Amino acid sequence: MTNTKVVLANRPTGAVEDSNFDLVTEEMAPIKQGEVLIKIEVISLDPAIRGWMNEGTTYIKGIEIGAVMRSFSAGEIIDSQNDAYEVGDYVTGLLGSQTYAISSGEGLKKLDMSSGKLSHHLGVLGMPGMTAYFGLLRRGQPKSGEVIYVSGAAGVVGSTVGQIAKIKGCIVIGSAGTDAKCAYLVNECGFDHAINYKTEDINAKLKEYAPKGVHIFYDNVGGETLDIALMNLAQGARVVICGAISQYNDMANIKGPKNYMKIVTARGVLTGIIVFDFVQEWPMAVEEIAGWIAEDKINVKEHMTEGLENYATTLKMLYSGQNFGKLILIP
């Protein structure tokens, strides 16, 4: 039996390049006692992968040169020597970008397929959805009637944040990079307003849509967008830093906020969200989000591509805004 996998050939110095990866096919050894063999059916491509490609350790160790590219993946167990798992079980975990994975069961999560289709467990019911749920509800602490601004709002995290905020009674503003994405936010996700950051002035639009200021800013972009949002905070505002996709390709020269003193004058809070801090509570959040999807309170959009040979091309879509919805690779 052979396994094809994407491995890290070298570390990018700026933007991700095709040459950073190798596609390797090799023979697989039989599984041992306590292990399971998983046929991977869907692979999640997330902005955090760019940070994982760097050397060193932040909240998680960087991927080693020659190692399979780290990713949340999901699939079916086709062989088991582990009493906790049966052939036919569907599971997810950090199983990597490959066609098969062998696991000891550590870090593996058995999926309830009645709660959503397999790809949803990598998106709205997976790590991105959990990031949105806990980032907003625990860090942002929304109150009915408050105004929230979400940057990078058309991605799975941003769109889920905005839709949960609407469920909680908030006025929701999102920014995205195309008119089609902005229309999606308003017409399908129920956002009150959407800003095309490439053709519209974010500062002017925030002053129009939130004349008394923004109570929660959920940031997926960083850079200039963060600076603009800071200047439009309401008193007591909460700023939740989830990501900084505008900065990932040059973290050595990251553009930090110039307007951070606005946190003082707004009597605000600036905080961060690492979703793994809440991993014990994920089942509860999955159940609640699945319920909202069933009630048509949360819209889910996915962008699917096929073939491990297209891994680099697909991953680069995240950093140019070419994907529209949760980016999933079918190996």
Protein backbone atom coordinates (compact mmCIF):
# COMPACT_ATOMS: atom_id res chain seq x y z
CA MET A 1 0.00 0.00 0.00
CA THR A 2 1.37 3.43 -0.92
CA ASN A 3 0.78 6.85 0.59
CA THR A 4 1.19 10.14 -1.25
CA LYS A 5 1.96 13.17 0.89
CA VAL A 6 2.93 16.82 0.62
CA VAL A 7 6.12 17.56 2.58
CA LEU A 8 7.88 20.79 3.47
CA ALA A 9 10.94 21.02 1.19
CA ASN A 10 12.19 24.38 2.48
CA ARG A 11 10.92 27.37 4.42
CA PRO A 12 9.47 30.36 2.55
CA THR A 13 11.18 33.70 3.10
CA GLY A 14 8.15 35.65 1.96
CA ALA A 15 5.12 34.47 0.06
CA VAL A 16 4.54 30.74 -0.28
CA GLU A 17 6.06 29.28 -3.46
CA ASP A 18 5.52 25.98 -5.28
CA SER A 19 9.18 25.14 -4.59
CA ASN A 20 8.52 25.06 -0.82
CA PHE A 21 6.85 21.66 -1.21
CA ASP A 22 7.60 18.19 -2.50
CA LEU A 23 5.08 15.50 -3.40
CA VAL A 24 6.29 12.14 -2.14
CA THR A 25 4.85 8.66 -2.64
CA GLU A 26 6.12 5.83 -0.44
CA GLU A 27 5.24 2.37 0.78
CA MET A 28 3.31 2.18 4.04
CA ALA A 29 4.15 -0.26 6.82
CA PRO A 30 1.30 -2.31 8.34
CA ILE A 31 -0.31 -0.71 11.37
CA LYS A 32 0.77 -1.86 14.83
CA GLN A 33 -1.22 -2.73 17.92
CA GLY A 34 -3.01 0.40 19.18
CA GLU A 35 -2.97 2.12 15.78
CA VAL A 36 -5.59 2.92 13.16
CA LEU A 37 -5.30 3.51 9.42
CA ILE A 38 -7.31 6.41 8.06
CA LYS A 39 -8.18 7.09 4.44
CA ILE A 40 -8.20 10.87 4.23
CA GLU A 41 -11.10 12.29 2.25
CA VAL A 42 -10.86 16.04 2.93
CA ILE A 43 -8.00 18.35 3.94
CA SER A 44 -8.40 21.80 5.49
CA LEU A 45 -6.22 24.63 4.23
CA ASP A 46 -6.10 27.47 6.76
CA PRO A 47 -4.18 30.77 7.00
CA ALA A 48 -2.31 29.49 10.08
CA ILE A 49 -0.35 27.07 7.85
CA ARG A 50 1.92 29.92 6.75
CA GLY A 51 2.98 30.49 10.36
CA TRP A 52 3.47 26.76 10.92
CA MET A 53 5.99 26.76 8.06
CA ASN A 54 8.32 29.03 10.02
CA GLU A 55 11.10 27.66 12.19
CA GLY A 56 10.71 27.68 15.96
CA THR A 57 7.78 27.49 18.31
CA THR A 58 4.95 29.91 19.04
CA TYR A 59 1.77 28.28 20.30
CA ILE A 60 2.71 25.23 18.21
CA LYS A 61 6.04 23.93 16.90
CA GLY A 62 7.01 24.75 13.34
CA ILE A 63 6.82 21.97 10.74
CA GLU A 64 10.14 20.18 10.32
CA ILE A 65 11.82 20.14 6.91
CA GLY A 66 10.84 16.90 5.19
CA ALA A 67 7.77 16.39 7.36
CA VAL A 68 4.25 16.09 5.99
CA MET A 69 2.47 19.43 5.82
CA ARG A 70 0.41 19.89 8.96
CA SER A 71 -3.31 20.27 8.46
CA PHE A 72 -6.60 19.29 9.97
CA SER A 73 -7.91 16.45 7.84
CA ALA A 74 -10.80 14.02 8.08
CA GLY A 75 -11.58 10.60 6.77
CA GLU A 76 -12.68 7.03 7.38
CA ILE A 77 -10.90 4.38 9.43
CA ILE A 78 -10.23 1.45 7.10
CA ASP A 79 -8.16 -0.69 9.50
CA SER A 80 -7.99 -0.68 13.29
CA GLN A 81 -5.82 -2.28 15.95
CA ASN A 82 -7.22 0.13 18.56
CA ASP A 83 -10.23 -0.93 20.66
CA ALA A 84 -11.49 2.66 20.84
CA TYR A 85 -12.04 2.86 17.06
CA GLU A 86 -13.81 0.63 14.58
CA VAL A 87 -13.49 0.27 10.83
CA GLY A 88 -16.03 2.66 9.33
CA ASP A 89 -15.65 5.33 12.01
CA TYR A 90 -15.09 8.85 10.66
CA VAL A 91 -12.45 10.88 12.47
CA THR A 92 -10.60 14.16 12.28
CA GLY A 93 -7.36 15.54 13.69
CA LEU A 94 -4.00 16.98 12.67
CA LEU A 95 -3.59 14.14 10.17
CA GLY A 96 -1.67 16.09 7.54
CA SER A 97 -1.89 16.66 3.81
CA GLN A 98 -1.71 13.09 2.52
CA THR A 99 -3.88 10.26 1.21
CA TYR A 100 -3.57 8.01 4.29
CA ALA A 101 -2.61 8.56 7.91
CA ILE A 102 -1.63 6.16 10.70
CA SER A 103 -2.64 7.30 14.17
CA SER A 104 -2.25 6.00 17.71
CA GLY A 105 -5.58 7.66 18.51
CA GLU A 106 -3.96 10.55 20.37
CA GLY A 107 -5.56 13.81 19.29
CA LEU A 108 -8.06 11.95 17.14
CA LYS A 109 -11.72 12.99 17.32
CA LYS A 110 -14.53 10.62 16.37
CA LEU A 111 -17.15 12.43 14.31
CA ASP A 112 -20.91 12.36 14.63
CA MET A 113 -21.83 12.43 10.96
CA SER A 114 -25.43 13.31 11.81
CA SER A 115 -24.30 16.81 12.84
CA GLY A 116 -22.99 17.77 9.40
CA LYS A 117 -21.22 16.55 6.30
CA LEU A 118 -17.56 15.58 6.55
CA SER A 119 -16.14 18.82 5.15
CA HIS A 120 -18.15 20.84 7.69
CA HIS A 121 -16.09 19.19 10.44
CA LEU A 122 -13.02 20.94 8.99
CA GLY A 123 -14.76 24.29 8.70
CA VAL A 124 -17.76 25.60 10.57
CA LEU A 125 -17.83 22.55 12.89
CA GLY A 126 -14.05 22.29 13.07
CA MET A 127 -11.13 24.46 14.15
CA PRO A 128 -12.25 27.60 12.20
CA GLY A 129 -15.79 27.42 13.57
CA MET A 130 -14.50 26.88 17.08
CA THR A 131 -12.19 29.89 16.65
CA ALA A 132 -15.18 32.00 15.64
CA TYR A 133 -17.39 30.70 18.46
CA PHE A 134 -14.97 31.09 21.36
CA GLY A 135 -13.24 34.17 19.95
CA LEU A 136 -16.53 36.03 19.76
CA LEU A 137 -18.44 34.68 22.74
CA ARG A 138 -15.61 34.36 25.25
CA ARG A 139 -13.27 37.12 24.14
CA GLY A 140 -15.68 39.55 22.47
CA GLN A 141 -18.59 39.00 24.88
CA PRO A 142 -21.26 40.48 22.58
CA LYS A 143 -24.36 42.19 23.92
CA SER A 144 -27.57 42.74 22.00
CA GLY A 145 -27.57 46.06 20.18
CA GLU A 146 -23.79 46.40 20.03
CA VAL A 147 -21.93 47.02 16.78
CA ILE A 148 -19.32 44.52 15.65
CA TYR A 149 -16.89 44.95 12.77
CA VAL A 150 -15.31 41.81 11.30
CA SER A 151 -12.34 42.05 8.93
CA GLY A 152 -11.70 39.22 6.49
CA ALA A 153 -15.40 38.58 6.91
CA ALA A 154 -16.01 36.35 3.88
CA GLY A 155 -13.77 33.57 5.20
CA VAL A 156 -15.20 30.77 7.30
CA VAL A 157 -14.06 32.35 10.57
CA GLY A 158 -15.24 35.85 9.73
CA SER A 159 -18.60 34.82 8.29
CA THR A 160 -19.29 32.53 11.25
CA VAL A 161 -18.38 35.30 13.71
CA GLY A 162 -20.75 37.69 11.99
CA GLN A 163 -23.61 35.21 11.86
CA ILE A 164 -23.25 34.27 15.53
CA ALA A 165 -23.17 37.98 16.37
CA LYS A 166 -26.45 38.43 14.49
CA ILE A 167 -27.95 35.54 16.49
CA LYS A 168 -26.87 37.44 19.63
CA GLY A 169 -28.64 40.59 18.45
CA CYS A 170 -25.68 42.65 17.24
CA ILE A 171 -25.39 45.06 14.33
CA VAL A 172 -22.76 43.47 12.06
CA ILE A 173 -20.34 45.13 9.63
CA GLY A 174 -17.91 43.07 7.57
CA SER A 175 -15.17 43.85 5.09
CA ALA A 176 -14.08 41.72 2.15
CA GLY A 177 -12.17 42.11 -1.11
CA THR A 178 -14.79 41.76 -3.84
CA ASP A 179 -18.31 42.96 -4.50
CA ALA A 180 -19.44 39.33 -4.78
CA LYS A 181 -18.11 38.55 -1.31
CA CYS A 182 -19.74 41.67 0.11
CA ALA A 183 -23.06 40.71 -1.48
CA TYR A 184 -22.71 37.23 0.04
CA LEU A 185 -22.19 38.71 3.51
CA VAL A 186 -25.33 40.85 3.30
CA ASN A 187 -27.65 38.64 1.27
CA GLU A 188 -26.75 35.17 2.55
CA CYS A 189 -25.10 35.71 5.94
CA GLY A 190 -27.39 38.49 7.14
CA PHE A 191 -24.69 41.13 7.79
CA ASP A 192 -26.14 44.62 8.10
CA HIS A 193 -23.34 46.22 6.08
CA ALA A 194 -20.35 45.11 4.01
CA ILE A 195 -17.33 47.13 2.92
CA ASN A 196 -15.22 46.35 -0.14
CA TYR A 197 -11.83 47.32 1.27
CA LYS A 198 -10.30 47.46 -2.22
CA THR A 199 -12.74 50.02 -3.62
CA GLU A 200 -14.18 51.75 -0.54
CA ASP A 201 -12.74 53.80 2.32
CA ILE A 202 -13.03 51.64 5.44
CA ASN A 203 -12.67 54.60 7.78
CA ALA A 204 -15.41 56.60 6.07
CA LYS A 205 -17.73 53.60 5.93
CA LEU A 206 -17.23 52.77 9.62
CA LYS A 207 -18.10 56.34 10.52
CA GLU A 208 -21.25 56.01 8.38
CA TYR A 209 -22.31 52.56 9.62
CA ALA A 210 -21.15 52.94 13.24
CA PRO A 211 -21.40 56.66 14.07
CA LYS A 212 -21.16 55.95 17.81
CA GLY A 213 -18.23 53.59 17.37
CA VAL A 214 -17.52 49.87 17.13
CA HIS A 215 -18.04 47.83 20.32
CA ILE A 216 -16.29 44.67 19.08
CA PHE A 217 -13.63 44.48 16.40
CA TYR A 218 -12.84 40.91 15.35
CA ASP A 219 -9.63 41.08 13.33
CA ASN A 220 -8.46 38.50 10.83
CA VAL A 221 -6.37 40.90 8.74
CA GLY A 222 -4.10 43.15 10.84
CA GLY A 223 -1.96 45.96 9.40
CA GLU A 224 -3.73 49.08 8.18
CA THR A 225 -7.18 47.57 8.77
CA LEU A 226 -6.42 47.16 12.47
CA ASP A 227 -5.20 50.76 12.68
CA ILE A 228 -8.40 52.07 11.09
CA ALA A 229 -10.62 49.99 13.37
CA LEU A 230 -8.79 51.20 16.47
CA MET A 231 -9.64 54.79 15.54
CA ASN A 232 -13.33 53.89 15.44
CA LEU A 233 -13.77 52.16 18.79
CA ALA A 234 -16.67 52.86 21.09
CA GLN A 235 -16.13 53.25 24.82
CA GLY A 236 -15.56 49.87 26.44
CA ALA A 237 -14.71 48.21 23.11
CA ARG A 238 -13.21 44.74 22.84
CA VAL A 239 -10.65 44.07 20.12
CA VAL A 240 -10.19 40.37 19.39
CA ILE A 241 -7.02 39.56 17.45
CA CYS A 242 -7.61 36.28 15.63
CA GLY A 243 -5.18 36.61 12.73
CA ALA A 244 -3.22 38.99 10.54
CA ILE A 245 -3.36 37.51 7.07
CA SER A 246 -2.06 40.76 5.54
CA GLN A 247 1.20 40.23 7.46
CA TYR A 248 1.88 36.50 7.28
CA ASN A 249 4.23 36.63 4.31
CA ASP A 250 6.66 39.00 6.04
CA MET A 251 6.40 38.46 9.79
CA ALA A 252 9.96 39.73 10.32
CA ASN A 253 8.74 43.19 9.28
CA ILE A 254 5.24 43.07 10.68
CA LYS A 255 3.34 46.35 10.65
CA GLY A 256 2.02 46.84 14.15
CA PRO A 257 -0.75 49.22 15.19
CA LYS A 258 0.16 52.90 15.31
CA ASN A 259 -3.13 53.78 16.96
CA TYR A 260 -2.92 51.43 19.94
CA MET A 261 -3.37 54.29 22.43
CA LYS A 262 -7.00 54.40 21.31
CA ILE A 263 -7.44 51.34 23.57
CA VAL A 264 -6.69 53.66 26.50
CA THR A 265 -9.05 56.46 25.52
CA ALA A 266 -11.79 53.95 24.67
CA ARG A 267 -11.23 52.17 28.01
CA GLY A 268 -11.07 49.09 25.83
CA VAL A 269 -9.55 45.63 25.87
CA LEU A 270 -7.25 44.11 23.25
CA THR A 271 -7.04 40.33 23.46
CA GLY A 272 -6.14 37.27 21.42
CA ILE A 273 -7.76 33.93 20.67
CA ILE A 274 -5.99 30.56 20.45
CA VAL A 275 -8.69 28.00 19.86
CA PHE A 276 -6.80 25.10 21.44
CA ASP A 277 -7.34 26.76 24.85
CA PHE A 278 -10.99 25.69 24.61
CA VAL A 279 -10.58 22.20 23.17
CA GLN A 280 -12.41 20.53 26.07
CA GLU A 281 -15.48 22.60 25.24
CA TRP A 282 -15.51 21.95 21.49
CA PRO A 283 -18.27 19.28 21.62
CA MET A 284 -20.68 21.75 23.21
CA ALA A 285 -19.87 24.39 20.59
CA VAL A 286 -20.18 21.90 17.72
CA GLU A 287 -23.64 20.91 18.96
CA GLU A 288 -24.80 24.51 19.20
CA ILE A 289 -23.44 25.56 15.79
CA ALA A 290 -24.92 22.42 14.16
CA GLY A 291 -28.26 23.42 15.64
CA TRP A 292 -27.99 26.91 14.18
CA ILE A 293 -27.15 25.45 10.76
CA ALA A 294 -30.20 23.17 10.96
CA GLU A 295 -32.33 26.22 11.82
CA ASP A 296 -30.90 28.14 8.80
CA LYS A 297 -29.36 30.71 11.12
CA ILE A 298 -25.84 30.03 9.81
CA ASN A 299 -24.98 29.82 6.12
CA VAL A 300 -21.98 27.71 5.11
CA LYS A 301 -19.94 28.29 1.96
CA GLU A 302 -17.10 26.02 0.84
CA HIS A 303 -14.45 26.24 -1.88
CA MET A 304 -13.31 22.78 -2.98
CA THR A 305 -10.27 21.83 -5.06
CA GLU A 306 -8.90 18.41 -5.94
CA GLY A 307 -5.49 16.74 -6.07
CA LEU A 308 -2.45 16.84 -3.79
CA GLU A 309 -0.46 17.94 -6.83
CA ASN A 310 -2.42 21.21 -6.60
CA TYR A 311 -1.59 21.76 -2.92
CA ALA A 312 0.68 24.80 -3.39
CA THR A 313 -1.62 26.50 -5.89
CA THR A 314 -4.58 25.96 -3.59
CA LEU A 315 -2.80 27.12 -0.43
CA LYS A 316 -1.68 30.35 -2.12
CA MET A 317 -5.32 31.22 -2.79
CA LEU A 318 -5.73 31.97 0.93
CA TYR A 319 -3.18 34.78 0.86
CA SER A 320 -4.42 36.41 -2.35
CA GLY A 321 -8.12 36.23 -1.49
CA GLN A 322 -8.92 33.98 -4.47
CA ASN A 323 -10.88 31.47 -2.43
CA PHE A 324 -14.53 32.12 -1.72
CA GLY A 325 -15.59 30.12 1.33
CA LYS A 326 -13.86 27.48 3.46
CA LEU A 327 -10.94 26.12 1.45
CA ILE A 328 -10.97 22.32 1.26
CA LEU A 329 -8.60 20.08 -0.71
CA ILE A 330 -9.72 16.61 -1.75
CA PRO A 331 -6.58 14.45 -2.04
